[in-house]
PDB file of all heavy atoms in Angstrom:
ATOM      1  N   ASP A   1     -55.105  33.529-155.059  1.00  0.00           N
ATOM      2  CA  ASP A   1     -54.068  33.091-155.995  1.00  0.00           C
ATOM      3  C   ASP A   1     -52.931  34.093-156.127  1.00  0.00           C
ATOM      4  O   ASP A   1     -51.855  33.749-156.617  1.00  0.00           O
ATOM      5  CB  ASP A   1     -54.678  32.855-157.385  1.00  0.00           C
ATOM      6  CG  ASP A   1     -55.533  31.603-157.438  1.00  0.00           C
ATOM      7  OD1 ASP A   1     -55.538  30.843-156.450  1.00  0.00           O
ATOM      8  OD2 ASP A   1     -56.205  31.379-158.465  1.00  0.00           O
ATOM      9  N   SER A   2     -53.145  35.330-155.695  1.00  0.00           N
ATOM     10  CA  SER A   2     -52.128  36.372-155.845  1.00  0.00           C
ATOM     11  C   SER A   2     -50.966  36.218-154.871  1.00  0.00           C
ATOM     12  O   SER A   2     -49.942  36.883-155.039  1.00  0.00           O
ATOM     13  CB  SER A   2     -52.760  37.751-155.631  1.00  0.00           C
ATOM     14  OG  SER A   2     -53.829  37.976-156.503  1.00  0.00           O
ATOM     15  N   VAL A   3     -51.110  35.376-153.851  1.00  0.00           N
ATOM     16  CA  VAL A   3     -50.131  35.324-152.776  1.00  0.00           C
ATOM     17  C   VAL A   3     -49.382  33.996-152.766  1.00  0.00           C
ATOM     18  O   VAL A   3     -49.946  32.942-153.070  1.00  0.00           O
ATOM     19  CB  VAL A   3     -50.824  35.565-151.416  1.00  0.00           C
ATOM     20  CG1 VAL A   3     -51.794  34.449-151.112  1.00  0.00           C
ATOM     21  CG2 VAL A   3     -49.819  35.708-150.293  1.00  0.00           C
ATOM     22  N   CYS A   4     -48.115  34.066-152.413  1.00  0.00           N
ATOM     23  CA  CYS A   4     -47.325  32.856-152.186  1.00  0.00           C
ATOM     24  C   CYS A   4     -47.355  32.573-150.690  1.00  0.00           C
ATOM     25  O   CYS A   4     -46.583  33.146-149.919  1.00  0.00           O
ATOM     26  CB  CYS A   4     -45.887  33.044-152.670  1.00  0.00           C
ATOM     27  SG  CYS A   4     -44.843  31.586-152.399  1.00  0.00           S
ATOM     28  N   ALA A   5     -48.286  31.725-150.281  1.00  0.00           N
ATOM     29  CA  ALA A   5     -48.462  31.394-148.865  1.00  0.00           C
ATOM     30  C   ALA A   5     -47.864  30.024-148.595  1.00  0.00           C
ATOM     31  O   ALA A   5     -48.213  29.045-149.256  1.00  0.00           O
ATOM     32  CB  ALA A   5     -49.945  31.408-148.509  1.00  0.00           C
ATOM     33  N   ILE A   6     -46.980  29.951-147.636  1.00  0.00           N
ATOM     34  CA  ILE A   6     -46.325  28.690-147.299  1.00  0.00           C
ATOM     35  C   ILE A   6     -47.177  27.936-146.291  1.00  0.00           C
ATOM     36  O   ILE A   6     -47.451  28.418-145.197  1.00  0.00           O
ATOM     37  CB  ILE A   6     -44.914  28.925-146.736  1.00  0.00           C
ATOM     38  CG1 ILE A   6     -44.085  29.759-147.718  1.00  0.00           C
ATOM     39  CG2 ILE A   6     -44.235  27.589-146.458  1.00  0.00           C
ATOM     40  CD1 ILE A   6     -43.944  29.145-149.095  1.00  0.00           C
ATOM     41  N   ALA A   7     -47.624  26.748-146.686  1.00  0.00           N
ATOM     42  CA  ALA A   7     -48.501  25.939-145.849  1.00  0.00           C
ATOM     43  C   ALA A   7     -47.738  25.314-144.689  1.00  0.00           C
ATOM     44  O   ALA A   7     -46.512  25.431-144.579  1.00  0.00           O
ATOM     45  CB  ALA A   7     -49.158  24.855-146.698  1.00  0.00           C
ATOM     46  N   GLU A   8     -48.488  24.626-143.829  1.00  0.00           N
ATOM     47  CA  GLU A   8     -47.874  23.989-142.663  1.00  0.00           C
ATOM     48  C   GLU A   8     -46.840  22.938-143.057  1.00  0.00           C
ATOM     49  O   GLU A   8     -45.935  22.631-142.285  1.00  0.00           O
ATOM     50  CB  GLU A   8     -48.968  23.340-141.798  1.00  0.00           C
ATOM     51  CG  GLU A   8     -50.171  24.233-141.487  1.00  0.00           C
ATOM     52  CD  GLU A   8     -49.806  25.468-140.682  1.00  0.00           C
ATOM     53  OE1 GLU A   8     -48.680  25.538-140.171  1.00  0.00           O
ATOM     54  OE2 GLU A   8     -50.665  26.365-140.563  1.00  0.00           O
ATOM     55  N   ASN A   9     -46.966  22.386-144.258  1.00  0.00           N
ATOM     56  CA  ASN A   9     -46.010  21.366-144.710  1.00  0.00           C
ATOM     57  C   ASN A   9     -44.768  21.961-145.351  1.00  0.00           C
ATOM     58  O   ASN A   9     -43.927  21.236-145.880  1.00  0.00           O
ATOM     59  CB  ASN A   9     -46.682  20.397-145.676  1.00  0.00           C
ATOM     60  CG  ASN A   9     -47.219  21.101-146.920  1.00  0.00           C
ATOM     61  OD1 ASN A   9     -46.922  22.261-147.172  1.00  0.00           O
ATOM     62  ND2 ASN A   9     -48.026  20.387-147.701  1.00  0.00           N
ATOM     63  N   GLY A  10     -44.653  23.299-145.325  1.00  0.00           N
ATOM     64  CA  GLY A  10     -43.475  23.961-145.869  1.00  0.00           C
ATOM     65  C   GLY A  10     -43.527  24.213-147.362  1.00  0.00           C
ATOM     66  O   GLY A  10     -42.566  24.715-147.936  1.00  0.00           O
ATOM     67  N   ARG A  11     -44.656  23.885-147.990  1.00  0.00           N
ATOM     68  CA  ARG A  11     -44.799  24.085-149.431  1.00  0.00           C
ATOM     69  C   ARG A  11     -45.818  25.188-149.710  1.00  0.00           C
ATOM     70  O   ARG A  11     -46.730  25.402-148.913  1.00  0.00           O
ATOM     71  CB  ARG A  11     -45.266  22.783-150.090  1.00  0.00           C
ATOM     72  CG  ARG A  11     -44.336  21.602-149.845  1.00  0.00           C
ATOM     73  CD  ARG A  11     -44.910  20.334-150.451  1.00  0.00           C
ATOM     74  NE  ARG A  11     -44.079  19.169-150.166  1.00  0.00           N
ATOM     75  CZ  ARG A  11     -44.373  17.944-150.557  1.00  0.00           C
ATOM     76  NH1 ARG A  11     -45.480  17.715-151.250  1.00  0.00           N
ATOM     77  NH2 ARG A  11     -43.568  16.943-150.258  1.00  0.00           N
ATOM     78  N   PRO A  12     -45.685  25.870-150.845  1.00  0.00           N
ATOM     79  CA  PRO A  12     -46.671  26.901-151.178  1.00  0.00           C
ATOM     80  C   PRO A  12     -48.041  26.290-151.402  1.00  0.00           C
ATOM     81  O   PRO A  12     -48.165  25.216-152.001  1.00  0.00           O
ATOM     82  CB  PRO A  12     -46.114  27.508-152.480  1.00  0.00           C
ATOM     83  CG  PRO A  12     -44.669  27.146-152.502  1.00  0.00           C
ATOM     84  CD  PRO A  12     -44.570  25.816-151.818  1.00  0.00           C
ATOM     85  N   LEU A  13     -49.076  26.972-150.909  1.00  0.00           N
ATOM     86  CA  LEU A  13     -50.431  26.535-151.208  1.00  0.00           C
ATOM     87  C   LEU A  13     -50.674  26.653-152.709  1.00  0.00           C
ATOM     88  O   LEU A  13     -50.202  27.590-153.354  1.00  0.00           O
ATOM     89  CB  LEU A  13     -51.448  27.411-150.469  1.00  0.00           C
ATOM     90  CG  LEU A  13     -51.609  27.198-148.964  1.00  0.00           C
ATOM     91  CD1 LEU A  13     -52.539  28.259-148.389  1.00  0.00           C
ATOM     92  CD2 LEU A  13     -52.150  25.810-148.667  1.00  0.00           C
ATOM     93  N   PRO A  14     -51.401  25.708-153.307  1.00  0.00           N
ATOM     94  CA  PRO A  14     -51.665  25.785-154.745  1.00  0.00           C
ATOM     95  C   PRO A  14     -52.660  26.898-155.051  1.00  0.00           C
ATOM     96  O   PRO A  14     -53.423  27.335-154.183  1.00  0.00           O
ATOM     97  CB  PRO A  14     -52.267  24.408-155.062  1.00  0.00           C
ATOM     98  CG  PRO A  14     -52.909  23.994-153.781  1.00  0.00           C
ATOM     99  CD  PRO A  14     -52.019  24.514-152.690  1.00  0.00           C
ATOM    100  N   MET A  15     -52.652  27.376-156.299  1.00  0.00           N
ATOM    101  CA  MET A  15     -53.658  28.342-156.727  1.00  0.00           C
ATOM    102  C   MET A  15     -54.984  27.597-156.836  1.00  0.00           C
ATOM    103  O   MET A  15     -55.145  26.737-157.700  1.00  0.00           O
ATOM    104  CB  MET A  15     -53.271  28.951-158.075  1.00  0.00           C
ATOM    105  CG  MET A  15     -52.026  29.800-158.044  1.00  0.00           C
ATOM    106  SD  MET A  15     -51.761  30.634-159.637  1.00  0.00           S
ATOM    107  CE  MET A  15     -50.080  31.236-159.423  1.00  0.00           C
ATOM    108  N   SER A  16     -55.919  27.935-155.970  1.00  0.00           N
ATOM    109  CA  SER A  16     -57.199  27.238-155.952  1.00  0.00           C
ATOM    110  C   SER A  16     -58.155  27.970-155.031  1.00  0.00           C
ATOM    111  O   SER A  16     -57.743  28.770-154.184  1.00  0.00           O
ATOM    112  CB  SER A  16     -57.031  25.799-155.463  1.00  0.00           C
ATOM    113  OG  SER A  16     -56.710  25.790-154.087  1.00  0.00           O
ATOM    114  N   CYS A  17     -59.443  27.670-155.180  1.00  0.00           N
ATOM    115  CA  CYS A  17     -60.441  28.225-154.271  1.00  0.00           C
ATOM    116  C   CYS A  17     -60.169  27.767-152.845  1.00  0.00           C
ATOM    117  O   CYS A  17     -60.403  28.504-151.886  1.00  0.00           O
ATOM    118  CB  CYS A  17     -61.840  27.811-154.720  1.00  0.00           C
ATOM    119  SG  CYS A  17     -63.159  28.361-153.617  1.00  0.00           S
ATOM    120  N   ALA A  18     -59.684  26.543-152.682  1.00  0.00           N
ATOM    121  CA  ALA A  18     -59.410  26.009-151.351  1.00  0.00           C
ATOM    122  C   ALA A  18     -58.351  26.833-150.621  1.00  0.00           C
ATOM    123  O   ALA A  18     -58.325  26.867-149.388  1.00  0.00           O
ATOM    124  CB  ALA A  18     -58.964  24.552-151.450  1.00  0.00           C
ATOM    125  N   SER A  19     -57.478  27.498-151.366  1.00  0.00           N
ATOM    126  CA  SER A  19     -56.450  28.332-150.746  1.00  0.00           C
ATOM    127  C   SER A  19     -56.960  29.728-150.424  1.00  0.00           C
ATOM    128  O   SER A  19     -56.358  30.444-149.619  1.00  0.00           O
ATOM    129  CB  SER A  19     -55.233  28.438-151.678  1.00  0.00           C
ATOM    130  OG  SER A  19     -54.662  27.169-151.923  1.00  0.00           O
ATOM    131  N   ALA A  20     -58.063  30.124-151.058  1.00  0.00           N
ATOM    132  CA  ALA A  20     -58.623  31.456-150.805  1.00  0.00           C
ATOM    133  C   ALA A  20     -59.071  31.596-149.359  1.00  0.00           C
ATOM    134  O   ALA A  20     -58.903  32.663-148.749  1.00  0.00           O
ATOM    135  CB  ALA A  20     -59.790  31.725-151.750  1.00  0.00           C
ATOM    136  N   GLY A  21     -59.653  30.518-148.798  1.00  0.00           N
ATOM    137  CA  GLY A  21     -60.144  30.582-147.431  1.00  0.00           C
ATOM    138  C   GLY A  21     -59.074  30.874-146.401  1.00  0.00           C
ATOM    139  O   GLY A  21     -59.139  31.895-145.700  1.00  0.00           O
ATOM    140  N   PRO A  22     -58.049  30.024-146.262  1.00  0.00           N
ATOM    141  CA  PRO A  22     -57.036  30.262-145.233  1.00  0.00           C
ATOM    142  C   PRO A  22     -56.211  31.524-145.473  1.00  0.00           C
ATOM    143  O   PRO A  22     -55.839  32.200-144.515  1.00  0.00           O
ATOM    144  CB  PRO A  22     -56.158  29.009-145.300  1.00  0.00           C
ATOM    145  CG  PRO A  22     -56.442  28.387-146.620  1.00  0.00           C
ATOM    146  CD  PRO A  22     -57.852  28.719-146.938  1.00  0.00           C
ATOM    147  N   THR A  23     -55.928  31.863-146.730  1.00  0.00           N
ATOM    148  CA  THR A  23     -55.155  33.086-146.966  1.00  0.00           C
ATOM    149  C   THR A  23     -55.984  34.329-146.657  1.00  0.00           C
ATOM    150  O   THR A  23     -55.463  35.324-146.144  1.00  0.00           O
ATOM    151  CB  THR A  23     -54.635  33.146-148.415  1.00  0.00           C
ATOM    152  OG1 THR A  23     -55.729  33.042-149.339  1.00  0.00           O
ATOM    153  CG2 THR A  23     -53.645  32.024-148.681  1.00  0.00           C
ATOM    154  N   SER A  24     -57.295  34.278-146.942  1.00  0.00           N
ATOM    155  CA  SER A  24     -58.169  35.400-146.584  1.00  0.00           C
ATOM    156  C   SER A  24     -58.215  35.586-145.075  1.00  0.00           C
ATOM    157  O   SER A  24     -58.112  36.709-144.566  1.00  0.00           O
ATOM    158  CB  SER A  24     -59.585  35.163-147.109  1.00  0.00           C
ATOM    159  OG  SER A  24     -59.616  35.129-148.511  1.00  0.00           O
ATOM    160  N   LYS A  25     -58.369  34.485-144.355  1.00  0.00           N
ATOM    161  CA  LYS A  25     -58.417  34.576-142.896  1.00  0.00           C
ATOM    162  C   LYS A  25     -57.100  35.107-142.333  1.00  0.00           C
ATOM    163  O   LYS A  25     -57.092  35.857-141.358  1.00  0.00           O
ATOM    164  CB  LYS A  25     -58.749  33.203-142.314  1.00  0.00           C
ATOM    165  CG  LYS A  25     -60.164  32.742-142.635  1.00  0.00           C
ATOM    166  CD  LYS A  25     -60.439  31.333-142.140  1.00  0.00           C
ATOM    167  CE  LYS A  25     -61.840  30.874-142.527  1.00  0.00           C
ATOM    168  NZ  LYS A  25     -62.126  29.487-142.094  1.00  0.00           N
ATOM    169  N   GLY A  26     -55.993  34.705-142.962  1.00  0.00           N
ATOM    170  CA  GLY A  26     -54.701  35.219-142.518  1.00  0.00           C
ATOM    171  C   GLY A  26     -54.580  36.711-142.726  1.00  0.00           C
ATOM    172  O   GLY A  26     -54.120  37.449-141.840  1.00  0.00           O
ATOM    173  N   ALA A  27     -55.009  37.192-143.893  1.00  0.00           N
ATOM    174  CA  ALA A  27     -54.953  38.624-144.181  1.00  0.00           C
ATOM    175  C   ALA A  27     -55.892  39.402-143.276  1.00  0.00           C
ATOM    176  O   ALA A  27     -55.546  40.474-142.757  1.00  0.00           O
ATOM    177  CB  ALA A  27     -55.303  38.874-145.649  1.00  0.00           C
ATOM    178  N   ILE A  28     -57.108  38.887-143.069  1.00  0.00           N
ATOM    179  CA  ILE A  28     -58.075  39.542-142.182  1.00  0.00           C
ATOM    180  C   ILE A  28     -57.493  39.689-140.781  1.00  0.00           C
ATOM    181  O   ILE A  28     -57.564  40.758-140.163  1.00  0.00           O
ATOM    182  CB  ILE A  28     -59.376  38.713-142.127  1.00  0.00           C
ATOM    183  CG1 ILE A  28     -60.136  38.822-143.442  1.00  0.00           C
ATOM    184  CG2 ILE A  28     -60.261  39.163-140.969  1.00  0.00           C
ATOM    185  CD1 ILE A  28     -61.261  37.816-143.573  1.00  0.00           C
ATOM    186  N   SER A  29     -56.910  38.608-140.274  1.00  0.00           N
ATOM    187  CA  SER A  29     -56.322  38.644-138.933  1.00  0.00           C
ATOM    188  C   SER A  29     -55.230  39.695-138.842  1.00  0.00           C
ATOM    189  O   SER A  29     -55.163  40.464-137.869  1.00  0.00           O
ATOM    190  CB  SER A  29     -55.749  37.265-138.574  1.00  0.00           C
ATOM    191  OG  SER A  29     -56.756  36.281-138.581  1.00  0.00           O
ATOM    192  N   GLY A  30     -54.370  39.738-139.853  1.00  0.00           N
ATOM    193  CA  GLY A  30     -53.278  40.703-139.842  1.00  0.00           C
ATOM    194  C   GLY A  30     -53.768  42.132-139.895  1.00  0.00           C
ATOM    195  O   GLY A  30     -53.264  43.008-139.173  1.00  0.00           O
ATOM    196  N   ILE A  31     -54.749  42.402-140.752  1.00  0.00           N
ATOM    197  CA  ILE A  31     -55.273  43.764-140.883  1.00  0.00           C
ATOM    198  C   ILE A  31     -55.928  44.227-139.593  1.00  0.00           C
ATOM    199  O   ILE A  31     -55.672  45.330-139.096  1.00  0.00           O
ATOM    200  CB  ILE A  31     -56.264  43.840-142.059  1.00  0.00           C
ATOM    201  CG1 ILE A  31     -55.525  43.667-143.385  1.00  0.00           C
ATOM    202  CG2 ILE A  31     -57.017  45.166-142.049  1.00  0.00           C
ATOM    203  CD1 ILE A  31     -56.438  43.535-144.593  1.00  0.00           C
ATOM    204  N   ILE A  32     -56.798  43.389-139.009  1.00  0.00           N
ATOM    205  CA  ILE A  32     -57.485  43.773-137.780  1.00  0.00           C
ATOM    206  C   ILE A  32     -56.493  43.975-136.643  1.00  0.00           C
ATOM    207  O   ILE A  32     -56.596  44.930-135.864  1.00  0.00           O
ATOM    208  CB  ILE A  32     -58.543  42.718-137.404  1.00  0.00           C
ATOM    209  CG1 ILE A  32     -59.681  42.739-138.429  1.00  0.00           C
ATOM    210  CG2 ILE A  32     -59.083  42.975-136.004  1.00  0.00           C
ATOM    211  CD1 ILE A  32     -60.753  41.692-138.186  1.00  0.00           C
ATOM    212  N   GLU A  33     -55.514  43.094-136.555  1.00  0.00           N
ATOM    213  CA  GLU A  33     -54.514  43.226-135.492  1.00  0.00           C
ATOM    214  C   GLU A  33     -53.708  44.504-135.638  1.00  0.00           C
ATOM    215  O   GLU A  33     -53.487  45.233-134.660  1.00  0.00           O
ATOM    216  CB  GLU A  33     -53.592  42.007-135.501  1.00  0.00           C
ATOM    217  CG  GLU A  33     -52.575  42.014-134.366  1.00  0.00           C
ATOM    218  CD  GLU A  33     -51.821  40.703-134.274  1.00  0.00           C
ATOM    219  OE1 GLU A  33     -52.471  39.644-134.297  1.00  0.00           O
ATOM    220  OE2 GLU A  33     -50.576  40.741-134.175  1.00  0.00           O
ATOM    221  N   ASP A  34     -53.282  44.811-136.865  1.00  0.00           N
ATOM    222  CA  ASP A  34     -52.476  46.008-137.085  1.00  0.00           C
ATOM    223  C   ASP A  34     -53.262  47.295-136.846  1.00  0.00           C
ATOM    224  O   ASP A  34     -52.725  48.279-136.323  1.00  0.00           O
ATOM    225  CB  ASP A  34     -51.933  46.018-138.518  1.00  0.00           C
ATOM    226  CG  ASP A  34     -50.743  45.084-138.686  1.00  0.00           C
ATOM    227  OD1 ASP A  34     -50.248  44.577-137.660  1.00  0.00           O
ATOM    228  OD2 ASP A  34     -50.323  44.865-139.828  1.00  0.00           O
ATOM    229  N   LEU A  35     -54.540  47.295-137.233  1.00  0.00           N
ATOM    230  CA  LEU A  35     -55.310  48.536-137.178  1.00  0.00           C
ATOM    231  C   LEU A  35     -56.039  48.746-135.860  1.00  0.00           C
ATOM    232  O   LEU A  35     -56.396  49.880-135.526  1.00  0.00           O
ATOM    233  CB  LEU A  35     -56.322  48.566-138.328  1.00  0.00           C
ATOM    234  CG  LEU A  35     -55.733  48.512-139.740  1.00  0.00           C
ATOM    235  CD1 LEU A  35     -56.840  48.677-140.778  1.00  0.00           C
ATOM    236  CD2 LEU A  35     -54.675  49.585-139.936  1.00  0.00           C
ATOM    237  N   THR A  36     -56.282  47.679-135.103  1.00  0.00           N
ATOM    238  CA  THR A  36     -57.049  47.819-133.861  1.00  0.00           C
ATOM    239  C   THR A  36     -56.277  47.414-132.616  1.00  0.00           C
ATOM    240  O   THR A  36     -56.700  47.726-131.504  1.00  0.00           O
ATOM    241  CB  THR A  36     -58.330  46.968-133.920  1.00  0.00           C
ATOM    242  OG1 THR A  36     -57.988  45.580-133.835  1.00  0.00           O
ATOM    243  CG2 THR A  36     -59.105  47.234-135.203  1.00  0.00           C
ATOM    244  N   GLY A  37     -55.178  46.711-132.790  1.00  0.00           N
ATOM    245  CA  GLY A  37     -54.431  46.228-131.632  1.00  0.00           C
ATOM    246  C   GLY A  37     -54.966  44.921-131.079  1.00  0.00           C
ATOM    247  O   GLY A  37     -54.413  44.364-130.134  1.00  0.00           O
ATOM    248  N   ARG A  38     -56.039  44.399-131.672  1.00  0.00           N
ATOM    249  CA  ARG A  38     -56.620  43.143-131.209  1.00  0.00           C
ATOM    250  C   ARG A  38     -55.733  41.979-131.655  1.00  0.00           C
ATOM    251  O   ARG A  38     -55.375  41.869-132.824  1.00  0.00           O
ATOM    252  CB  ARG A  38     -58.022  42.973-131.790  1.00  0.00           C
ATOM    253  CG  ARG A  38     -58.657  41.623-131.512  1.00  0.00           C
ATOM    254  CD  ARG A  38     -59.922  41.449-132.337  1.00  0.00           C
ATOM    255  NE  ARG A  38     -60.537  40.146-132.125  1.00  0.00           N
ATOM    256  CZ  ARG A  38     -61.545  39.661-132.851  1.00  0.00           C
ATOM    257  NH1 ARG A  38     -62.050  40.391-133.827  1.00  0.00           N
ATOM    258  NH2 ARG A  38     -62.040  38.475-132.600  1.00  0.00           N
TER     259      ARG A  38
END
C-alpha cells in the first residue's frame, strides 16, 4: 500500500492485499537485478 504502482491499464493499483503480490515481485526483481547483475 505504500507505493503508487501504475498497472497495465495505466491506473494506480488499489491499496489491497492483491496489490502486495505484484508490487513485491517488482521490488524483489529490481533489488536482485541491481545488486547481483541478474
